[in-house]
Amino acid sequence: MVTPDFVTNFAAEGLWMYLLIAGPMLGFGLVVGVAVSIFQAVTSIQEMTLTFIPKILAVMISILIFFPWMIEMMLSYTAKIIINIPMYIK
């Protein structure tokens, strides 16, 4: 039987999985963004496009590094949901 507690736990688990999968990319982007901002402050270069290219590259590199782990996490989460469908519909 679907209860409010079940729905809350299901949503919380989904959000936690989202944070786990997106975390490495966001972390890499954050670190590179702070480094570029410090570089701009030190050199007084205020070019707006200078921040985008390094962040995009950092996120792409982090996707390449963490892709196998992210796929494994998504597959296991999806398999768990599919396997538990009979329990969810009771």
Protein backbone atom coordinates (compact mmCIF):
# COMPACT_ATOMS: atom_id res chain seq x y z
CA MET A 1 0.00 0.00 0.00
CA VAL A 2 1.30 3.41 -0.95
CA THR A 3 1.56 5.68 2.07
CA PRO A 4 2.81 9.26 2.37
CA ASP A 5 5.88 7.90 4.14
CA PHE A 6 6.62 5.58 1.20
CA VAL A 7 6.27 8.42 -1.30
CA THR A 8 8.53 10.66 0.77
CA ASN A 9 11.20 7.97 1.07
CA PHE A 10 10.95 7.15 -2.64
CA ALA A 11 11.40 10.83 -3.58
CA ALA A 12 14.26 11.28 -1.10
CA GLU A 13 16.05 8.23 -2.51
CA GLY A 14 15.63 9.60 -6.04
CA LEU A 15 17.02 12.99 -5.04
CA TRP A 16 19.95 11.33 -3.24
CA MET A 17 20.74 9.32 -6.38
CA TYR A 18 20.58 12.52 -8.44
CA LEU A 19 23.04 14.24 -6.10
CA LEU A 20 25.41 11.26 -6.17
CA ILE A 21 25.43 11.18 -9.96
CA ALA A 22 25.64 14.96 -10.51
CA GLY A 23 28.05 15.62 -7.64
CA PRO A 24 31.36 14.88 -9.37
CA MET A 25 30.51 17.07 -12.36
CA LEU A 26 29.30 19.91 -10.18
CA GLY A 27 32.38 19.60 -7.97
CA PHE A 28 34.79 19.76 -10.90
CA GLY A 29 32.92 22.76 -12.33
CA LEU A 30 33.00 24.50 -8.96
CA VAL A 31 36.73 23.98 -8.44
CA VAL A 32 37.59 25.17 -11.94
CA GLY A 33 35.22 28.13 -11.62
CA VAL A 34 36.86 29.25 -8.37
CA ALA A 35 40.33 28.82 -9.88
CA VAL A 36 39.39 30.89 -12.94
CA SER A 37 37.82 33.56 -10.72
CA ILE A 38 40.98 33.79 -8.62
CA PHE A 39 43.05 34.01 -11.81
CA GLN A 40 40.81 36.82 -13.12
CA ALA A 41 41.03 38.71 -9.83
CA VAL A 42 44.82 38.41 -9.70
CA THR A 43 45.39 39.44 -13.32
CA SER A 44 42.51 41.94 -13.56
CA ILE A 45 41.28 40.21 -16.70
CA GLN A 46 37.51 40.57 -16.74
CA GLU A 47 36.68 38.60 -19.87
CA MET A 48 33.28 36.93 -19.42
CA THR A 49 33.93 34.13 -21.89
CA LEU A 50 37.07 33.07 -20.01
CA THR A 51 34.97 31.36 -17.33
CA PHE A 52 32.82 29.22 -19.62
CA ILE A 53 35.39 27.25 -21.63
CA PRO A 54 37.38 25.88 -18.66
CA LYS A 55 34.19 24.94 -16.80
CA ILE A 56 32.76 23.15 -19.83
CA LEU A 57 36.03 21.28 -20.31
CA ALA A 58 36.15 20.33 -16.61
CA VAL A 59 32.61 18.98 -16.69
CA MET A 60 33.33 17.02 -19.88
CA ILE A 61 36.49 15.53 -18.37
CA SER A 62 34.64 14.60 -15.19
CA ILE A 63 31.96 12.88 -17.28
CA LEU A 64 34.66 10.85 -19.03
CA ILE A 65 36.26 9.92 -15.71
CA PHE A 66 33.07 9.09 -13.79
CA PHE A 67 30.92 7.74 -16.64
CA PRO A 68 31.33 4.02 -15.80
CA TRP A 69 30.50 4.67 -12.15
CA MET A 70 27.51 6.89 -13.03
CA ILE A 71 26.11 4.28 -15.43
CA GLU A 72 26.53 1.56 -12.80
CA MET A 73 24.71 3.68 -10.21
CA MET A 74 21.84 4.46 -12.61
CA LEU A 75 21.51 0.84 -13.71
CA SER A 76 21.45 -0.51 -10.16
CA TYR A 77 18.90 2.12 -9.07
CA THR A 78 16.68 1.43 -12.08
CA ALA A 79 16.96 -2.35 -11.61
CA LYS A 80 16.01 -1.95 -7.94
CA ILE A 81 12.93 0.06 -8.89
CA ILE A 82 11.87 -2.41 -11.58
CA ILE A 83 12.41 -5.43 -9.32
CA ASN A 84 10.32 -3.82 -6.55
CA ILE A 85 7.35 -2.88 -8.78
CA PRO A 86 5.20 -5.73 -7.41
CA MET A 87 5.79 -4.43 -3.90
CA TYR A 88 4.92 -0.87 -4.94
CA ILE A 89 1.54 -1.77 -6.45
CA LYS A 90 0.28 -3.74 -3.44
